[in-house]
Protein backbone atom coordinates (compact mmCIF):
# COMPACT_ATOMS: atom_id res chain seq x y z
CA MET A 1 140.23 120.38 161.91
CA SER A 2 137.62 117.76 161.27
CA LYS A 3 134.82 117.65 163.80
CA LYS A 4 133.53 114.20 162.84
CA SER A 5 136.53 111.97 162.28
CA THR A 6 139.10 110.55 164.65
CA VAL A 7 141.90 111.90 162.51
CA PRO A 8 142.10 114.83 160.14
CA ALA A 9 140.30 114.30 156.85
CA ALA A 10 141.95 111.85 154.47
CA LYS A 11 144.12 113.65 151.95
CA GLY A 12 146.11 111.00 150.18
CA ARG A 13 147.85 108.93 152.91
CA GLY A 14 145.14 106.66 154.26
CA GLY A 15 143.58 109.03 156.78
CA LEU A 16 146.52 111.24 157.70
CA GLU A 17 146.88 114.69 156.18
CA ARG A 18 149.95 115.30 154.04
CA ARG A 19 150.90 118.27 156.23
CA LEU A 20 151.16 115.91 159.23
CA THR A 21 153.12 113.18 157.47
CA ALA A 22 155.58 115.33 155.52
CA GLY A 23 159.08 114.09 156.25
CA LEU A 24 157.96 110.91 158.03
CA ASP A 25 159.05 107.48 156.83
CA ALA A 26 156.57 104.99 155.37
CA VAL A 27 157.00 102.54 158.28
CA GLY A 28 156.12 105.20 160.87
CA ILE A 29 153.09 106.29 158.85
CA ALA A 30 151.88 102.69 158.51
CA ASN A 31 152.32 102.13 162.27
CA CYS A 32 150.26 105.27 163.00
CA GLN A 33 147.53 104.21 160.61
CA ARG A 34 147.23 100.83 162.36
CA ILE A 35 146.89 102.53 165.75
CA LEU A 36 144.32 105.03 164.45
CA ARG A 37 142.16 102.24 162.99
CA GLY A 38 141.61 100.80 166.47
CA GLY A 39 138.30 101.01 168.27
CA MET A 40 139.51 103.28 171.08
CA ALA A 41 140.96 105.84 168.68
CA LYS A 42 137.64 105.92 166.83
CA SER A 43 135.62 106.09 170.05
CA LEU A 44 137.56 109.02 171.51
CA GLY A 45 137.20 111.08 168.35
CA PHE A 46 140.41 113.09 168.69
CA THR A 47 142.22 115.04 165.97
CA LEU A 48 145.98 114.92 165.49
CA THR A 49 147.42 118.43 165.23
CA GLY A 50 151.14 117.60 165.04
CA LEU A 51 153.07 114.46 164.18
CA LYS A 52 156.85 114.10 164.51
CA PRO A 53 159.01 111.25 165.87
CA ASP A 54 159.79 113.38 168.94
CA ARG A 55 156.46 115.21 169.39
CA VAL A 56 152.81 114.23 168.96
CA THR A 57 150.02 116.73 169.57
CA ALA A 58 146.26 116.32 169.42
CA GLN A 59 142.97 117.86 170.42
CA MET A 60 139.86 116.03 171.62
CA LYS A 61 136.51 117.76 171.40
CA LEU A 62 134.62 116.86 174.56
CA MET A 63 131.40 114.94 174.03
CA PRO A 64 128.94 113.54 176.59
CA ARG A 65 130.64 110.12 176.31
CA HIS A 66 133.86 111.64 177.70
CA LEU A 67 132.24 113.10 180.83
CA ASN A 68 131.51 111.67 184.25
CA PHE A 69 128.38 112.20 186.37
CA ASN A 70 129.36 115.76 187.37
CA GLY A 71 130.16 116.99 183.87
CA ARG A 72 133.94 116.76 184.09
CA VAL A 73 136.17 114.66 181.83
CA ASN A 74 136.32 111.07 183.03
CA GLY A 75 139.82 110.06 184.16
CA GLY A 76 139.70 106.99 181.94
CA ALA A 77 139.03 109.15 178.87
CA ILE A 78 142.03 111.34 179.77
CA MET A 79 144.22 108.27 180.25
CA ALA A 80 143.04 106.65 176.99
CA PHE A 81 143.69 109.89 175.07
CA ALA A 82 147.22 110.13 176.51
CA ASP A 83 147.87 106.41 175.92
CA LEU A 84 147.03 106.76 172.24
CA LEU A 85 149.32 109.77 171.81
CA GLY A 86 152.20 107.87 173.41
CA ALA A 87 151.43 104.83 171.27
CA ILE A 88 151.49 106.95 168.12
CA GLY A 89 154.85 108.43 169.11
CA ALA A 90 156.23 104.96 169.79
CA GLY A 91 154.84 103.76 166.47
CA LEU A 92 156.68 106.53 164.64
CA ASN A 93 159.93 105.20 166.11
CA ARG A 94 159.32 101.45 165.76
CA PRO A 95 161.21 99.54 163.03
CA ALA A 96 159.55 97.65 160.20
CA GLY A 97 158.21 94.24 161.20
CA TYR A 98 157.55 95.23 164.82
CA ARG A 99 154.35 95.74 166.77
CA GLY A 100 153.89 97.41 170.11
CA GLY A 101 151.76 98.05 173.11
CA THR A 102 151.70 99.77 176.46
CA LEU A 103 153.79 97.95 179.04
CA GLU A 104 153.23 100.36 181.93
CA SER A 105 151.34 103.62 182.51
CA LYS A 106 151.17 106.12 185.36
CA THR A 107 148.84 109.10 185.55
CA ASN A 108 149.04 112.12 187.84
CA PHE A 109 145.85 114.19 187.88
CA PHE A 110 146.19 117.87 188.82
CA SER A 111 142.85 119.43 187.95
CA SER A 112 139.47 118.38 186.61
CA GLY A 113 139.04 118.37 182.85
CA HIS A 114 136.45 120.67 181.32
CA GLY A 115 135.76 122.97 178.40
CA PRO A 116 134.92 122.46 174.81
CA TYR A 117 138.10 120.39 174.26
CA ILE A 118 141.31 119.10 175.81
CA THR A 119 144.75 118.99 174.20
CA GLY A 120 147.68 116.64 174.56
CA LEU A 121 151.41 116.87 173.95
CA SER A 122 153.45 113.65 174.01
CA ILE A 123 157.26 113.64 174.02
CA PRO A 124 159.78 110.81 174.39
CA LEU A 125 161.83 110.53 177.55
CA HIS A 126 163.66 107.48 176.18
CA ILE A 127 163.70 105.65 172.84
CA GLY A 128 165.50 102.33 172.94
CA ARG A 129 165.63 99.16 170.90
CA THR A 130 162.76 97.34 172.65
CA THR A 131 161.10 100.04 174.76
CA SER A 132 160.34 103.73 174.69
CA VAL A 133 159.05 105.98 177.46
CA TRP A 134 156.60 108.77 176.63
CA GLN A 135 155.32 111.65 178.73
CA THR A 136 151.98 113.13 177.72
CA THR A 137 150.76 116.38 179.23
CA VAL A 138 147.00 116.99 178.93
CA HIS A 139 145.55 120.50 179.16
CA ASN A 140 142.09 122.07 179.31
CA SER A 141 141.19 124.50 176.55
CA ASP A 142 142.21 127.33 178.92
CA GLY A 143 145.77 125.91 179.04
CA ARG A 144 145.59 124.55 182.58
CA THR A 145 147.40 121.22 183.06
CA ILE A 146 144.94 118.52 184.07
CA ALA A 147 147.18 115.44 183.92
CA ILE A 148 150.62 114.11 183.10
CA VAL A 149 150.79 110.51 181.91
CA THR A 150 154.09 108.62 181.70
CA GLN A 151 154.06 105.31 179.88
CA THR A 152 156.44 102.65 178.68
CA GLN A 153 155.78 101.29 175.20
CA MET A 154 157.26 98.00 174.03
CA ALA A 155 158.42 96.94 170.57
CA LEU A 156 158.09 93.25 169.69
CA PRO A 157 158.67 91.41 166.41
CA MET A 158 155.40 90.67 164.59
CA ARG A 159 154.27 87.07 164.60
CA SER A 160 153.73 85.30 161.32
CA GLU A 161 150.80 83.33 162.74
CA PRO A 162 147.66 84.92 164.23
CA ASP A 163 147.49 85.50 168.03
């Protein structure tokens, strides 16, 4: 896994490794690439470890920017990490010509985040025509669950004119 980049090292598909994108359609890959080019994805510095339409996994090496005053992972960093994993999953399932975003998000915190890294697993609870619901479970490096984030992602037709 790359320690410097937000996604695994580029290997022929615009920033996503071939092993991660094998079997995925071009629309889903393009949607993921758009999400991963965003400022938050770059700021968090996470690495995708698995990418399927029904399962997204990632690892985020913890840096000082992720921690709060007492050395634990800031809740906002956990929520942003989970939000991006759900967005990537939704993007993999969105049709061509559509854009998306988070419509609603709820986080339950169970334990403080710590360690050299945290991991996330995002799975769909519902995939519909205009919305999808994703549940992301975030763990410490020791496997302890620190949070579960449930979010609703929307799918809207892209506009031809700028926002």
